[in-house]
Each structure stands twice: as C-alpha cells, then as structure tokens.
C-alpha cells in the first residue's frame, strides 16, 4: 500500500482511486471523438472528402492499437501513474495542434498524437485499479471505469459541436485542450494516490520466480482474451457506425428516430455496466458473459428478421445495449484472472496492454467487415453478423475461464 493509502480508510482510498481513474478514462473516450464532431467544418475548410477525413480515425485506432500493446511494458517498467500522465500530455498537445493546424497533414498528426495518448489508458488504468482497489470492490471499480468511458463518449459531440457552432472549431479544440490540462493537473496533484505500491515494479517477477518479458505471449488464455476483445469490439463498431441506416431501412425509422435508437443502445449499455458490476463478483465471469451476450445476440437476430412494429425497436435496442453492458465488468475480471493465473502482478501492464489492443483493432476492422454489406443493401446480414461475432466471443470467454481455472488449480 502506498503512504497515501495508509493514511486513510480502505473504503475512502478505494473511492478516490476509482474516481481518479474513472475521470481519466472518461477523458480518453472524450478524445476518441476529438475530430469526428468537427468533420463538417474540417471538410469545408480543407476541401476534404469523407474518405479523406475518415482516414484520420483509421490512423487514430491503428496508432492506439500498436501503442497499447507497447504501453503495457512501459507501465510495468516505469509505473502506471507516469505513463498515464504521458498519455494525457499527448492529448493536450494534439488538441493544441488542432487549434492551429492548416492542412490535412496536420490533421493526420493530430490523429496520431491522440491515438498515442489513448494507447496508455487501459494498461495504466487497470494496473492502478488492480493494485489499489480492495478485491471485493473490483467489480464495482471496473463497472464505474466503463461507465465513465461511456459518459466521455456522450459528452464529446455535444461539447465540441456546441462550441464549434458558436465560436469556431479552433476554439473548440482549445476547449478540449483545457479538459486535457485539467486531467493532467488532477493526476499530478494526486500522484501519490496512484503511485505503485513498494515492490510492484520489480520487473519480471511473479510468485518469487523470474518471468520473461514476453512469456505472456505463450499463454493461450491471453490470446483468447485478445480474440474476445477483437470480436466484441468489431460487433460494437458495426452497431456504432451503421445502426441508424440499418434501422431506417429494415424498420422504416426516420433519421432522428434511428439516431435516438442508437442513443438508447448506449444508455442501455451504461445501465448494463452498472448492473454487471454487482453481478461480476457473485457469479463465474465467463458464464455471466455467455448469458448476457447470448441474450444480446438473440435480440439482434430478432431485430434483423422479424417484422417488428416501429415502437418496439427502441426498447429492443435498450435491451441489446443492456445485455452487452452487463458483460463489461466480467470481461475485465476475466482478463485479470488471465494475467494473474501464471504471471502474478508483475505482468499486469503488458497483459492488459496486449489484450486491450484488440479493442482498437476491432474498431478499425468494423467498417471493413460490415461496409461491403451495407453498400450491398444487406442490412439484416449486418445484424446477424454482429450476433455471430457475439456467439464466437462467448466461446472464447468460456475457453479463457476453463484455462485460467485449470491454471489456478
């Protein structure tokens, strides 16, 4: 325990750590959407096509995916708090650069810097939570971590477009820089709270035995976790990118109603994350994941093939989001088991970094996987494909659960 933790009750320390890490995670999700809300202004000012401006987000997620796998090693070597501050600094520089950028090359550099900043958050956040939060509160910690990320996503479009519409997109970029500066000051101020416990950075040691830096890559459970995240995030990307036109074409919803249904899905996901935090420590995580994602997949198939009344679409989207949200805290605990079953706490950063790079990979793949189906007007096939990805992710989660329990035994 750090000196800061020793001076306050465990519950108070847990709450402070969860709040700090949750706020930082919300900022990282806010910066996922640093550029997209500004696309109309950027396209107009720089004469860009949808393909050209969209490529900036491909750059963001590719850099983030590659950087996330590497950031885990930095977390294990230099400590999560320092790496977290480095990521927020990248956000600050990216937003400041955006405020003065004068061409497409500058926008690609902004995207790359923001992606580099985003890459540190999962390995750093989960290392801090696992090392500082009491085990019986980890489910709630992971739940609040996911919820804070969703809130960051929800805030960014309103914040950025509101300021851009009234004062210009360069002022909106400066305002985003202000959010990053606030987060950096907060992390610096409470750095003792986030500091690694004594001995935590003894590199490559687990259970008293030396562990090679890349030993985790020989673990089937770690690879299954990576595949799990790749699958579920590709499915999420399909819904996030295409839900509105799918619902317009399959069920005759208006543009506004389709957008509302997507918002309902995200709100349902937030509710599911909160519920999942309570359930994650009371059940076997892989079975809870299987039940939640299985229910979500069935609802997605029903939405694809049944001639449903329009009024049922929104509650079904809430249900799909709720089911997938329930799985969130359990998946994070499942990764924790994969990390500790063979490597102890010494490999938290690198395992979380590698596994969660599957998230960015899935978000980068989703437009490629489902875009051709959308172009061909096969809207129901997209929903069925999403359900199939969830079914495959269930198999990987069950496999991880079996491997880690066997290793523990």
Protein backbone atom coordinates (compact mmCIF):
# COMPACT_ATOMS: atom_id res chain seq x y z
CA UNK A 1 0.00 0.00 0.00
CA UNK A 2 1.26 3.49 -0.77
CA UNK A 3 1.78 6.06 2.00
CA UNK A 4 -1.29 7.92 0.79
CA UNK A 5 -3.37 4.75 1.15
CA UNK A 6 -2.06 4.02 4.63
CA UNK A 7 -3.28 7.39 5.91
CA UNK A 8 -6.95 6.84 5.08
CA UNK A 9 -9.54 4.04 5.45
CA UNK A 10 -9.64 1.41 2.72
CA UNK A 11 -13.10 2.45 1.55
CA UNK A 12 -12.11 6.09 1.20
CA UNK A 13 -8.91 5.18 -0.64
CA UNK A 14 -10.82 2.86 -2.99
CA UNK A 15 -13.32 5.61 -3.79
CA UNK A 16 -10.58 8.12 -4.55
CA UNK A 17 -8.70 5.73 -6.83
CA UNK A 18 -11.87 4.70 -8.67
CA UNK A 19 -12.88 8.35 -9.13
CA UNK A 20 -9.45 9.45 -10.40
CA UNK A 21 -9.09 6.56 -12.82
CA UNK A 22 -12.70 6.88 -13.95
CA UNK A 23 -12.24 10.56 -14.73
CA UNK A 24 -9.08 9.82 -16.70
CA UNK A 25 -10.89 7.09 -18.65
CA UNK A 26 -13.74 9.47 -19.42
CA UNK A 27 -11.20 11.94 -20.82
CA UNK A 28 -9.70 9.21 -23.02
CA UNK A 29 -13.12 8.40 -24.51
CA UNK A 30 -13.78 12.12 -24.97
CA UNK A 31 -10.63 12.30 -27.10
CA UNK A 32 -11.81 9.35 -29.19
CA UNK A 33 -14.21 11.96 -30.56
CA UNK A 34 -11.88 14.94 -30.71
CA UNK A 35 -12.08 15.01 -34.53
CA UNK A 36 -15.37 13.37 -35.67
CA UNK A 37 -17.75 16.07 -34.34
CA UNK A 38 -15.66 18.64 -36.24
CA UNK A 39 -15.72 16.75 -39.56
CA UNK A 40 -18.25 19.11 -41.26
CA UNK A 41 -16.10 22.18 -40.50
CA UNK A 42 -12.80 20.48 -41.32
CA UNK A 43 -14.13 19.10 -44.62
CA UNK A 44 -15.38 22.54 -45.62
CA UNK A 45 -12.23 24.46 -44.64
CA UNK A 46 -9.73 22.00 -46.08
CA UNK A 47 -11.74 20.63 -49.04
CA UNK A 48 -11.71 17.03 -47.80
CA UNK A 49 -13.83 14.04 -48.84
CA UNK A 50 -15.50 11.61 -46.42
CA UNK A 51 -12.80 9.08 -47.27
CA UNK A 52 -10.02 11.54 -46.58
CA UNK A 53 -11.36 12.81 -43.27
CA UNK A 54 -12.39 9.29 -42.23
CA UNK A 55 -8.82 8.10 -42.72
CA UNK A 56 -7.80 10.23 -39.74
CA UNK A 57 -9.76 7.89 -37.45
CA UNK A 58 -8.13 4.87 -39.03
CA UNK A 59 -4.78 6.47 -38.13
CA UNK A 60 -6.05 7.09 -34.60
CA UNK A 61 -7.04 3.47 -33.97
CA UNK A 62 -4.04 1.90 -35.70
CA UNK A 63 -1.62 4.00 -33.63
CA UNK A 64 -3.65 3.29 -30.49
CA UNK A 65 -3.71 -0.47 -31.12
CA UNK A 66 0.04 -0.68 -31.72
CA UNK A 67 0.82 1.72 -28.90
CA UNK A 68 -1.42 -0.07 -26.42
CA UNK A 69 0.50 -3.31 -26.74
CA UNK A 70 3.77 -1.44 -26.12
CA UNK A 71 2.40 0.82 -23.39
CA UNK A 72 1.87 -2.18 -21.12
CA UNK A 73 5.62 -2.74 -20.96
CA UNK A 74 6.14 0.91 -20.01
CA UNK A 75 3.54 0.59 -17.25
CA UNK A 76 5.34 -2.46 -15.79
CA UNK A 77 8.70 -0.72 -16.06
CA UNK A 78 8.03 2.91 -15.06
CA UNK A 79 4.71 2.78 -13.23
CA UNK A 80 1.12 3.38 -14.24
CA UNK A 81 0.84 6.96 -12.92
CA UNK A 82 3.76 8.24 -15.02
CA UNK A 83 2.53 6.54 -18.18
CA UNK A 84 -0.99 7.83 -17.57
CA UNK A 85 0.34 11.40 -17.31
CA UNK A 86 2.25 10.86 -20.55
CA UNK A 87 -0.92 9.81 -22.36
CA UNK A 88 -2.85 12.85 -21.15
CA UNK A 89 0.05 15.05 -22.25
CA UNK A 90 -0.31 13.61 -25.77
CA UNK A 91 -3.99 14.60 -25.71
CA UNK A 92 -3.08 18.12 -24.64
CA UNK A 93 -0.53 18.52 -27.43
CA UNK A 94 -2.93 17.02 -30.00
CA UNK A 95 -5.71 19.47 -29.08
CA UNK A 96 -3.35 22.46 -29.12
CA UNK A 97 -2.00 21.38 -32.51
CA UNK A 98 -5.57 21.02 -33.83
CA UNK A 99 -6.29 24.63 -32.88
CA UNK A 100 -3.57 25.89 -35.24
CA UNK A 101 -3.47 23.19 -37.94
CA UNK A 102 -3.56 24.48 -41.53
CA UNK A 103 -3.86 21.36 -43.69
CA UNK A 104 -4.53 17.64 -43.99
CA UNK A 105 -1.01 16.61 -42.94
CA UNK A 106 -1.54 18.44 -39.67
CA UNK A 107 -4.83 16.62 -39.10
CA UNK A 108 -3.14 13.25 -39.55
CA UNK A 109 -0.52 14.27 -36.98
CA UNK A 110 -3.31 15.29 -34.58
CA UNK A 111 -4.95 11.89 -35.06
CA UNK A 112 -1.66 10.06 -34.49
CA UNK A 113 -0.88 12.01 -31.30
CA UNK A 114 -4.39 11.45 -29.94
CA UNK A 115 -4.13 7.73 -30.77
CA UNK A 116 -0.77 7.56 -28.99
CA UNK A 117 -2.30 9.21 -25.94
CA UNK A 118 -5.27 6.85 -25.99
CA UNK A 119 -2.98 3.81 -26.10
CA UNK A 120 -1.87 4.08 -22.47
CA UNK A 121 -5.20 4.15 -20.69
CA UNK A 122 -6.27 0.52 -20.46
CA UNK A 123 -2.91 -0.89 -19.28
CA UNK A 124 -2.40 2.06 -16.90
CA UNK A 125 -5.98 2.26 -15.59
CA UNK A 126 -6.41 -1.44 -14.92
CA UNK A 127 -2.97 -1.74 -13.34
CA UNK A 128 -3.86 1.05 -10.89
CA UNK A 129 -7.27 -0.45 -10.11
CA UNK A 130 -5.89 -3.95 -9.58
CA UNK A 131 -3.06 -2.76 -7.35
CA UNK A 132 -5.01 -0.25 -5.24
CA UNK A 133 -8.68 -1.25 -5.02
CA UNK A 134 -9.82 -3.85 -2.49
CA UNK A 135 -10.57 -7.18 -4.22
CA UNK A 136 -14.22 -7.21 -3.11
CA UNK A 137 -14.75 -3.82 -4.79
CA UNK A 138 -13.05 -4.61 -8.10
CA UNK A 139 -16.32 -5.45 -9.85
CA UNK A 140 -17.71 -2.04 -8.92
CA UNK A 141 -14.41 -0.38 -9.89
CA UNK A 142 -14.48 -1.94 -13.36
CA UNK A 143 -18.15 -1.01 -13.68
CA UNK A 144 -17.51 2.66 -12.90
CA UNK A 145 -14.48 2.63 -15.21
CA UNK A 146 -16.64 1.51 -18.13
CA UNK A 147 -19.45 3.91 -17.23
CA UNK A 148 -17.05 6.87 -17.13
CA UNK A 149 -15.86 5.97 -20.62
CA UNK A 150 -19.44 5.97 -21.92
CA UNK A 151 -20.01 9.39 -20.36
CA UNK A 152 -16.91 10.71 -22.12
CA UNK A 153 -18.31 9.48 -25.43
CA UNK A 154 -21.65 11.13 -24.68
CA UNK A 155 -20.12 14.49 -23.72
CA UNK A 156 -17.73 14.96 -26.63
CA UNK A 157 -20.20 15.50 -29.52
CA UNK A 158 -22.32 17.99 -27.56
CA UNK A 159 -19.28 19.84 -26.21
CA UNK A 160 -17.30 20.04 -29.46
CA UNK A 161 -20.16 20.83 -31.84
CA UNK A 162 -21.73 23.33 -29.45
CA UNK A 163 -18.54 25.36 -29.16
CA UNK A 164 -17.66 24.97 -32.86
CA UNK A 165 -21.09 26.23 -33.92
CA UNK A 166 -20.91 29.31 -31.75
CA UNK A 167 -17.20 30.19 -31.69
CA UNK A 168 -15.49 28.11 -34.39
CA UNK A 169 -13.76 24.74 -34.46
CA UNK A 170 -10.37 26.15 -33.43
CA UNK A 171 -11.89 27.45 -30.19
CA UNK A 172 -13.48 24.02 -29.67
CA UNK A 173 -10.02 22.47 -29.99
CA UNK A 174 -8.66 24.89 -27.37
CA UNK A 175 -11.54 23.98 -25.06
CA UNK A 176 -10.67 20.29 -25.48
CA UNK A 177 -7.08 21.17 -24.59
CA UNK A 178 -8.44 22.71 -21.40
CA UNK A 179 -10.08 19.41 -20.46
CA UNK A 180 -6.78 17.57 -21.03
CA UNK A 181 -4.91 20.17 -18.96
CA UNK A 182 -7.40 19.75 -16.10
CA UNK A 183 -6.96 15.96 -16.18
CA UNK A 184 -3.16 16.32 -16.21
CA UNK A 185 -3.22 18.69 -13.22
CA UNK A 186 -5.51 16.30 -11.32
CA UNK A 187 -3.26 13.30 -11.96
CA UNK A 188 -0.18 15.30 -10.94
CA UNK A 189 -1.87 16.59 -7.79
CA UNK A 190 -2.99 13.11 -6.66
CA UNK A 191 0.05 11.22 -7.97
CA UNK A 192 0.74 9.71 -4.54
CA UNK A 193 -2.70 8.09 -4.60
CA UNK A 194 -1.97 6.49 -7.98
CA UNK A 195 1.66 5.59 -7.25
CA UNK A 196 2.60 1.91 -7.44
CA UNK A 197 2.94 0.08 -4.12
CA UNK A 198 6.51 -0.66 -2.97
CA UNK A 199 7.97 -3.58 -4.92
CA UNK A 200 5.29 -3.53 -7.60
CA UNK A 201 7.78 -2.51 -10.27
CA UNK A 202 10.16 -5.40 -9.65
CA UNK A 203 10.20 -6.22 -13.34
CA UNK A 204 9.67 -9.76 -14.48
CA UNK A 205 8.99 -11.37 -11.09
CA UNK A 206 5.86 -13.32 -10.27
CA UNK A 207 5.39 -15.59 -7.32
CA UNK A 208 9.07 -15.36 -6.49
CA UNK A 209 10.14 -16.64 -9.90
CA UNK A 210 11.59 -14.79 -12.86
CA UNK A 211 9.18 -14.21 -15.75
CA UNK A 212 10.48 -13.41 -19.22
CA UNK A 213 9.21 -10.15 -20.70
CA UNK A 214 7.26 -11.87 -23.48
CA UNK A 215 6.27 -15.01 -21.57
CA UNK A 216 2.64 -13.89 -21.56
CA UNK A 217 2.53 -14.38 -25.34
CA UNK A 218 2.83 -18.13 -24.75
CA UNK A 219 -0.35 -18.16 -22.67
CA UNK A 220 -3.45 -19.48 -24.52
CA UNK A 221 -5.66 -17.53 -22.09
CA UNK A 222 -4.04 -14.22 -23.04
CA UNK A 223 -4.52 -14.89 -26.76
CA UNK A 224 -8.13 -15.92 -26.16
CA UNK A 225 -8.70 -12.66 -24.27
CA UNK A 226 -7.26 -10.70 -27.20
CA UNK A 227 -9.54 -12.55 -29.61
CA UNK A 228 -12.51 -11.96 -27.32
CA UNK A 229 -11.96 -8.21 -27.36
CA UNK A 230 -11.37 -8.18 -31.10
CA UNK A 231 -14.70 -9.95 -31.69
CA UNK A 232 -16.91 -7.95 -29.33
CA UNK A 233 -15.45 -4.61 -30.40
CA UNK A 234 -15.88 -5.39 -34.09
CA UNK A 235 -19.52 -6.08 -33.26
CA UNK A 236 -19.77 -2.83 -31.28
CA UNK A 237 -18.20 -0.90 -34.15
CA UNK A 238 -20.82 -2.34 -36.50
CA UNK A 239 -23.64 -1.04 -34.31
CA UNK A 240 -21.98 2.30 -33.60
CA UNK A 241 -21.27 3.04 -37.26
CA UNK A 242 -24.32 1.59 -39.00
CA UNK A 243 -27.24 1.20 -36.56
CA UNK A 244 -29.07 4.31 -37.77
CA UNK A 245 -29.19 3.44 -41.52
CA UNK A 246 -29.89 -0.23 -40.70
CA UNK A 247 -32.96 0.66 -38.64
CA UNK A 248 -34.10 3.18 -41.25
CA UNK A 249 -34.05 0.53 -43.97
CA UNK A 250 -35.28 -2.51 -42.02
CA UNK A 251 -37.98 -0.91 -39.89
CA UNK A 252 -38.74 2.38 -41.62
CA UNK A 253 -37.47 4.63 -38.84
CA UNK A 254 -36.76 8.27 -39.58
CA UNK A 255 -33.21 9.60 -39.32
CA UNK A 256 -33.98 11.18 -35.96
CA UNK A 257 -35.62 8.01 -34.64
CA UNK A 258 -32.70 5.88 -35.82
CA UNK A 259 -30.24 8.17 -34.06
CA UNK A 260 -32.39 8.04 -30.93
CA UNK A 261 -32.32 4.23 -31.07
CA UNK A 262 -28.52 4.31 -31.16
CA UNK A 263 -28.51 6.62 -28.14
CA UNK A 264 -30.92 4.23 -26.42
CA UNK A 265 -28.47 1.39 -27.10
CA UNK A 266 -25.63 3.37 -25.48
CA UNK A 267 -27.78 4.30 -22.48
CA UNK A 268 -28.82 0.68 -22.10
CA UNK A 269 -25.14 -0.24 -22.17
CA UNK A 270 -24.43 2.19 -19.34
CA UNK A 271 -27.19 0.63 -17.25
CA UNK A 272 -25.86 -2.84 -18.03
CA UNK A 273 -22.37 -1.84 -16.92
CA UNK A 274 -23.73 -0.70 -13.55
CA UNK A 275 -25.67 -3.95 -13.10
CA UNK A 276 -22.70 -6.00 -14.26
CA UNK A 277 -20.52 -4.51 -11.54
CA UNK A 278 -22.78 -6.03 -8.88
CA UNK A 279 -23.09 -9.38 -10.63
CA UNK A 280 -19.47 -9.88 -11.66
CA UNK A 281 -18.21 -10.93 -8.23
CA UNK A 282 -21.24 -13.12 -7.48
CA UNK A 283 -21.04 -15.45 -10.48
CA UNK A 284 -18.50 -17.16 -12.69
CA UNK A 285 -17.49 -14.37 -15.05
CA UNK A 286 -17.37 -16.48 -18.21
CA UNK A 287 -20.88 -17.85 -17.63
CA UNK A 288 -22.27 -14.39 -16.94
CA UNK A 289 -20.64 -13.16 -20.16
CA UNK A 290 -22.12 -16.09 -22.07
CA UNK A 291 -25.64 -15.44 -20.74
CA UNK A 292 -25.50 -11.68 -21.35
CA UNK A 293 -24.01 -11.80 -24.84
CA UNK A 294 -26.23 -14.75 -25.79
CA UNK A 295 -29.33 -12.73 -24.89
CA UNK A 296 -27.98 -9.74 -26.82
CA UNK A 297 -27.31 -11.90 -29.87
CA UNK A 298 -30.85 -13.30 -29.85
CA UNK A 299 -32.31 -9.79 -29.68
CA UNK A 300 -30.09 -8.70 -32.60
CA UNK A 301 -31.27 -11.64 -34.72
CA UNK A 302 -34.89 -10.85 -33.86
CA UNK A 303 -34.32 -7.24 -34.88
CA UNK A 304 -32.87 -8.47 -38.18
CA UNK A 305 -35.50 -10.97 -39.27
CA UNK A 306 -38.83 -10.15 -37.56
CA UNK A 307 -41.36 -7.63 -38.94
CA UNK A 308 -41.48 -5.63 -35.72
CA UNK A 309 -43.68 -2.60 -35.04
CA UNK A 310 -41.62 0.58 -35.01
CA UNK A 311 -42.38 1.30 -31.36
CA UNK A 312 -40.61 -1.93 -30.30
CA UNK A 313 -37.27 -1.04 -31.93
CA UNK A 314 -36.14 1.44 -29.29
CA UNK A 315 -36.76 -0.86 -26.28
CA UNK A 316 -35.06 -3.70 -28.14
CA UNK A 317 -32.00 -1.50 -28.70
CA UNK A 318 -32.03 -0.67 -25.00
CA UNK A 319 -32.16 -4.41 -24.28
CA UNK A 320 -29.26 -5.19 -26.61
CA UNK A 321 -27.16 -2.44 -25.02
CA UNK A 322 -28.10 -3.57 -21.51
CA UNK A 323 -27.14 -7.19 -22.17
CA UNK A 324 -23.78 -6.34 -23.72
CA UNK A 325 -23.10 -3.81 -20.94
CA UNK A 326 -23.60 -6.47 -18.26
CA UNK A 327 -20.68 -8.39 -19.74
CA UNK A 328 -18.28 -5.43 -19.36
CA UNK A 329 -17.08 -5.74 -15.74
CA UNK A 330 -16.92 -9.55 -16.03
CA UNK A 331 -14.67 -9.35 -19.09
CA UNK A 332 -12.27 -7.08 -17.16
CA UNK A 333 -12.16 -9.51 -14.24
CA UNK A 334 -11.61 -12.36 -16.70
CA UNK A 335 -8.54 -10.58 -18.08
CA UNK A 336 -7.32 -10.09 -14.51
CA UNK A 337 -7.54 -13.84 -13.96
CA UNK A 338 -5.62 -14.44 -17.18
CA UNK A 339 -2.91 -12.03 -16.04
CA UNK A 340 -2.53 -13.38 -12.51
CA UNK A 341 -3.06 -17.10 -13.10
CA UNK A 342 0.52 -17.52 -14.32
CA UNK A 343 2.34 -14.19 -14.05
CA UNK A 344 1.12 -12.51 -10.87
CA UNK A 345 1.04 -8.72 -10.62
CA UNK A 346 4.36 -8.27 -12.41
CA UNK A 347 2.72 -8.52 -15.84
CA UNK A 348 -0.48 -6.51 -15.30
CA UNK A 349 0.55 -3.74 -17.68
CA UNK A 350 1.78 -5.85 -20.58
CA UNK A 351 -1.14 -8.32 -20.41
CA UNK A 352 -3.78 -5.58 -20.24
CA UNK A 353 -1.97 -3.61 -22.94
CA UNK A 354 -1.80 -6.53 -25.35
CA UNK A 355 -5.32 -7.79 -24.69
CA UNK A 356 -6.98 -4.39 -24.91
CA UNK A 357 -5.22 -3.60 -28.18
CA UNK A 358 -7.92 -5.94 -29.50
CA UNK A 359 -10.42 -3.14 -28.78
CA UNK A 360 -8.77 -0.69 -31.14
CA UNK A 361 -8.19 -3.42 -33.72
CA UNK A 362 -11.89 -4.27 -33.67
CA UNK A 363 -12.93 -0.64 -34.08
CA UNK A 364 -10.54 -0.31 -37.03
CA UNK A 365 -11.86 -3.53 -38.63
CA UNK A 366 -15.59 -2.91 -38.20
CA UNK A 367 -16.05 -0.55 -41.18
CA UNK A 368 -14.15 -3.00 -43.41
CA UNK A 369 -16.07 -6.04 -42.18
CA UNK A 370 -19.56 -4.54 -42.46
CA UNK A 371 -19.08 -1.75 -45.01
CA UNK A 372 -19.46 -4.00 -48.05
CA UNK A 373 -22.67 -5.50 -46.65
CA UNK A 374 -24.04 -2.00 -46.12
CA UNK A 375 -23.08 -0.95 -49.66
CA UNK A 376 -24.90 -4.03 -50.98
CA UNK A 377 -28.06 -3.22 -49.05
CA UNK A 378 -27.76 -6.38 -46.89
CA UNK A 379 -28.82 -4.64 -43.71
CA UNK A 380 -30.22 -7.72 -41.93
CA UNK A 381 -26.96 -9.56 -42.64
CA UNK A 382 -25.06 -6.90 -40.67
CA UNK A 383 -27.17 -7.55 -37.56
CA UNK A 384 -26.82 -11.30 -37.99
CA UNK A 385 -23.08 -10.86 -38.43
CA UNK A 386 -22.94 -8.88 -35.19
CA UNK A 387 -24.83 -11.66 -33.41
CA UNK A 388 -22.40 -14.22 -34.87
CA UNK A 389 -19.43 -12.25 -33.52
CA UNK A 390 -21.02 -12.25 -30.06
CA UNK A 391 -21.56 -16.02 -30.31
CA UNK A 392 -17.89 -16.53 -31.19
CA UNK A 393 -16.85 -14.25 -28.32
CA UNK A 394 -18.86 -16.44 -25.92
CA UNK A 395 -16.77 -19.43 -26.98
CA UNK A 396 -13.53 -17.53 -26.35
CA UNK A 397 -14.74 -16.35 -22.91
CA UNK A 398 -15.64 -19.91 -21.89
CA UNK A 399 -12.23 -21.07 -23.10
CA UNK A 400 -10.46 -18.38 -21.04
CA UNK A 401 -12.47 -19.36 -17.98
CA UNK A 402 -11.54 -23.01 -18.37
CA UNK A 403 -7.83 -22.35 -18.93
CA UNK A 404 -7.48 -19.94 -16.01
CA UNK A 405 -9.33 -22.17 -13.58
CA UNK A 406 -7.16 -25.10 -14.63
CA UNK A 407 -4.03 -22.99 -14.11
CA UNK A 408 -5.23 -21.88 -10.69
CA UNK A 409 -5.93 -25.46 -9.70
